[in-house]
C-alpha cells in the first residue's frame, strides 16, 4: 500500500510531496468522496478527487506506485476520469511576448482592464 500524498506526487498530480500534503490537509483532496489525511493508504480501484480553482480532477488508482516515475509510467498508474479542463483556465491573460520591453502606459491600462482591475 502507498500513502495518498506519495501517490499523488508519484503520478505527477503535484510538483512536490509537500504541496500534495498541503492540499490534502487543506481539504482539497478526497478519496472515494471522503476527506482523508496525508497518511491514508490508496489501493487499486480507489477514486481520488483533487479540487483546483475552477476544475475538479478525478483520478482512479490503477497502480499504487511508491516512487516518482517518468510521465509515461505515471500515466499507466492512474486513469483520468475528469472532465476536460475548461478553456478559460488555459487562456493567458495579460501575457506579453518576450523581448517586447516594458509595457507602455496604454498597455498597462489594457492589462489591468483584462485582469479586472480598473483604476477609476
C-alpha atoms as a PDB file:
ATOM      1  CA  UNK A   1       0.000   0.000   0.000  1.00  0.00           C
ATOM      2  CA  UNK A   2       1.018   3.594  -0.638  1.00  0.00           C
ATOM      3  CA  UNK A   3       0.224   6.829   1.187  1.00  0.00           C
ATOM      4  CA  UNK A   4      -2.094   9.135  -0.769  1.00  0.00           C
ATOM      5  CA  UNK A   5       0.313  12.083  -0.631  1.00  0.00           C
ATOM      6  CA  UNK A   6       3.147   9.934  -2.006  1.00  0.00           C
ATOM      7  CA  UNK A   7       0.902   8.529  -4.750  1.00  0.00           C
ATOM      8  CA  UNK A   8      -0.290  11.995  -5.863  1.00  0.00           C
ATOM      9  CA  UNK A   9       3.323  13.140  -6.079  1.00  0.00           C
ATOM     10  CA  UNK A  10       4.380   9.918  -7.848  1.00  0.00           C
ATOM     11  CA  UNK A  11       1.775  10.243 -10.607  1.00  0.00           C
ATOM     12  CA  UNK A  12       2.692  13.916 -11.055  1.00  0.00           C
ATOM     13  CA  UNK A  13      -0.602  15.380  -9.850  1.00  0.00           C
ATOM     14  CA  UNK A  14       1.526  17.709  -7.681  1.00  0.00           C
ATOM     15  CA  UNK A  15       5.013  19.052  -8.260  1.00  0.00           C
ATOM     16  CA  UNK A  16       6.242  18.213  -4.762  1.00  0.00           C
ATOM     17  CA  UNK A  17       5.139  15.892  -1.998  1.00  0.00           C
ATOM     18  CA  UNK A  18       4.795  18.812   0.398  1.00  0.00           C
ATOM     19  CA  UNK A  19       2.346  20.507  -2.000  1.00  0.00           C
ATOM     20  CA  UNK A  20       0.310  17.289  -2.112  1.00  0.00           C
ATOM     21  CA  UNK A  21       0.326  17.086   1.689  1.00  0.00           C
ATOM     22  CA  UNK A  22      -0.759  20.723   1.999  1.00  0.00           C
ATOM     23  CA  UNK A  23      -3.624  20.193  -0.451  1.00  0.00           C
ATOM     24  CA  UNK A  24      -4.821  17.140   1.475  1.00  0.00           C
ATOM     25  CA  UNK A  25      -4.636  18.954   4.810  1.00  0.00           C
ATOM     26  CA  UNK A  26      -6.495  21.892   3.253  1.00  0.00           C
ATOM     27  CA  UNK A  27      -9.389  19.643   2.279  1.00  0.00           C
ATOM     28  CA  UNK A  28      -8.810  19.835  -1.483  1.00  0.00           C
ATOM     29  CA  UNK A  29      -8.331  16.085  -1.920  1.00  0.00           C
ATOM     30  CA  UNK A  30     -10.978  13.420  -1.354  1.00  0.00           C
ATOM     31  CA  UNK A  31     -10.681   9.641  -1.573  1.00  0.00           C
ATOM     32  CA  UNK A  32     -13.897   7.877  -2.653  1.00  0.00           C
ATOM     33  CA  UNK A  33     -15.805  11.105  -1.801  1.00  0.00           C
ATOM     34  CA  UNK A  34     -14.475  11.091   1.784  1.00  0.00           C
ATOM     35  CA  UNK A  35     -11.989  13.559   3.312  1.00  0.00           C
ATOM     36  CA  UNK A  36      -8.645  11.940   4.112  1.00  0.00           C
ATOM     37  CA  UNK A  37      -5.357  12.583   5.879  1.00  0.00           C
ATOM     38  CA  UNK A  38      -1.965  12.508   4.090  1.00  0.00           C
ATOM     39  CA  UNK A  39      -1.049   9.097   5.565  1.00  0.00           C
ATOM     40  CA  UNK A  40      -4.196   7.357   4.272  1.00  0.00           C
ATOM     41  CA  UNK A  41      -3.410   4.321   2.122  1.00  0.00           C
ATOM     42  CA  UNK A  42      -4.598   4.018  -1.502  1.00  0.00           C
ATOM     43  CA  UNK A  43      -5.340   0.750  -3.250  1.00  0.00           C
ATOM     44  CA  UNK A  44      -6.246  -0.156  -6.834  1.00  0.00           C
ATOM     45  CA  UNK A  45      -9.770   0.941  -7.711  1.00  0.00           C
ATOM     46  CA  UNK A  46      -9.849   3.970  -5.378  1.00  0.00           C
ATOM     47  CA  UNK A  47     -11.066   7.258  -6.858  1.00  0.00           C
ATOM     48  CA  UNK A  48      -9.121  10.380  -5.862  1.00  0.00           C
ATOM     49  CA  UNK A  49     -10.665  13.818  -6.463  1.00  0.00           C
ATOM     50  CA  UNK A  50      -8.325  16.830  -6.482  1.00  0.00           C
ATOM     51  CA  UNK A  51     -10.027  20.235  -6.360  1.00  0.00           C
ATOM     52  CA  UNK A  52      -8.300  23.089  -8.151  1.00  0.00           C
ATOM     53  CA  UNK A  53      -9.777  26.536  -8.748  1.00  0.00           C
ATOM     54  CA  UNK A  54     -12.478  26.167 -11.405  1.00  0.00           C
ATOM     55  CA  UNK A  55     -11.915  22.451 -12.072  1.00  0.00           C
ATOM     56  CA  UNK A  56     -12.037  19.084 -10.332  1.00  0.00           C
ATOM     57  CA  UNK A  57      -9.542  16.425 -11.338  1.00  0.00           C
ATOM     58  CA  UNK A  58     -10.775  12.842 -10.863  1.00  0.00           C
ATOM     59  CA  UNK A  59      -8.117  10.098 -10.866  1.00  0.00           C
ATOM     60  CA  UNK A  60      -8.668   6.359 -10.480  1.00  0.00           C
ATOM     61  CA  UNK A  61      -5.818   4.418  -8.870  1.00  0.00           C
ATOM     62  CA  UNK A  62      -4.622   1.635 -11.185  1.00  0.00           C
ATOM     63  CA  UNK A  63      -1.209   1.004  -9.626  1.00  0.00           C
ATOM     64  CA  UNK A  64      -0.312   2.349  -6.149  1.00  0.00           C
ATOM     65  CA  UNK A  65       3.294   3.230  -7.023  1.00  0.00           C
ATOM     66  CA  UNK A  66       5.637   4.481  -4.289  1.00  0.00           C
ATOM     67  CA  UNK A  67       8.375   6.161  -6.305  1.00  0.00           C
ATOM     68  CA  UNK A  68       8.186   9.053  -8.741  1.00  0.00           C
ATOM     69  CA  UNK A  69       8.455   7.666 -12.248  1.00  0.00           C
ATOM     70  CA  UNK A  70       8.558   9.042 -15.768  1.00  0.00           C
ATOM     71  CA  UNK A  71       5.490  10.674 -17.272  1.00  0.00           C
ATOM     72  CA  UNK A  72       4.626   7.650 -19.442  1.00  0.00           C
ATOM     73  CA  UNK A  73       4.793   5.260 -16.481  1.00  0.00           C
ATOM     74  CA  UNK A  74       2.845   7.707 -14.290  1.00  0.00           C
ATOM     75  CA  UNK A  75       0.051   7.781 -16.868  1.00  0.00           C
ATOM     76  CA  UNK A  76      -0.190   3.986 -16.614  1.00  0.00           C
ATOM     77  CA  UNK A  77      -0.522   4.126 -12.808  1.00  0.00           C
ATOM     78  CA  UNK A  78      -3.762   6.113 -12.973  1.00  0.00           C
ATOM     79  CA  UNK A  79      -6.883   6.517 -15.065  1.00  0.00           C
ATOM     80  CA  UNK A  80      -8.014  10.108 -15.612  1.00  0.00           C
ATOM     81  CA  UNK A  81     -11.816  10.286 -15.263  1.00  0.00           C
ATOM     82  CA  UNK A  82     -12.058  14.076 -15.054  1.00  0.00           C
ATOM     83  CA  UNK A  83     -13.895  16.302 -17.487  1.00  0.00           C
ATOM     84  CA  UNK A  84     -11.745  18.280 -19.920  1.00  0.00           C
ATOM     85  CA  UNK A  85     -10.100  21.358 -18.442  1.00  0.00           C
ATOM     86  CA  UNK A  86     -12.253  24.458 -19.115  1.00  0.00           C
ATOM     87  CA  UNK A  87     -10.889  26.644 -21.901  1.00  0.00           C
ATOM     88  CA  UNK A  88     -10.940  29.810 -19.807  1.00  0.00           C
ATOM     89  CA  UNK A  89      -8.336  28.268 -17.461  1.00  0.00           C
ATOM     90  CA  UNK A  90      -5.943  27.744 -20.382  1.00  0.00           C
ATOM     91  CA  UNK A  91      -6.077  31.356 -21.601  1.00  0.00           C
ATOM     92  CA  UNK A  92      -3.046  33.530 -20.931  1.00  0.00           C
ATOM     93  CA  UNK A  93      -4.484  36.869 -19.826  1.00  0.00           C
ATOM     94  CA  UNK A  94      -2.135  39.805 -19.755  1.00  0.00           C
ATOM     95  CA  UNK A  95       0.879  37.893 -21.039  1.00  0.00           C
ATOM     96  CA  UNK A  96       3.425  39.741 -23.105  1.00  0.00           C
ATOM     97  CA  UNK A  97       5.829  38.342 -25.623  1.00  0.00           C
ATOM     98  CA  UNK A  98       9.415  38.078 -24.518  1.00  0.00           C
ATOM     99  CA  UNK A  99      11.648  40.896 -25.670  1.00  0.00           C
ATOM    100  CA  UNK A 100       8.870  43.452 -26.192  1.00  0.00           C
ATOM    101  CA  UNK A 101      10.199  45.655 -23.409  1.00  0.00           C
ATOM    102  CA  UNK A 102       8.290  47.335 -20.633  1.00  0.00           C
ATOM    103  CA  UNK A 103       4.595  47.971 -21.182  1.00  0.00           C
ATOM    104  CA  UNK A 104       3.583  51.491 -22.088  1.00  0.00           C
ATOM    105  CA  UNK A 105       1.005  53.351 -20.043  1.00  0.00           C
ATOM    106  CA  UNK A 106      -1.643  52.353 -22.569  1.00  0.00           C
ATOM    107  CA  UNK A 107      -0.531  48.694 -22.419  1.00  0.00           C
ATOM    108  CA  UNK A 108      -0.618  48.742 -18.598  1.00  0.00           C
ATOM    109  CA  UNK A 109      -4.175  50.099 -18.602  1.00  0.00           C
ATOM    110  CA  UNK A 110      -5.234  47.385 -21.061  1.00  0.00           C
ATOM    111  CA  UNK A 111      -3.616  44.643 -18.935  1.00  0.00           C
ATOM    112  CA  UNK A 112      -5.319  45.982 -15.807  1.00  0.00           C
ATOM    113  CA  UNK A 113      -8.662  46.107 -17.630  1.00  0.00           C
ATOM    114  CA  UNK A 114      -8.304  42.482 -18.756  1.00  0.00           C
ATOM    115  CA  UNK A 115      -7.445  41.358 -15.233  1.00  0.00           C
ATOM    116  CA  UNK A 116     -10.495  43.130 -13.839  1.00  0.00           C
ATOM    117  CA  UNK A 117      -8.615  45.901 -12.063  1.00  0.00           C
ATOM    118  CA  UNK A 118      -9.773  49.326 -13.049  1.00  0.00           C
ATOM    119  CA  UNK A 119      -8.039  52.460 -11.831  1.00  0.00           C
ATOM    120  CA  UNK A 120     -11.214  54.541 -11.745  1.00  0.00           C
END
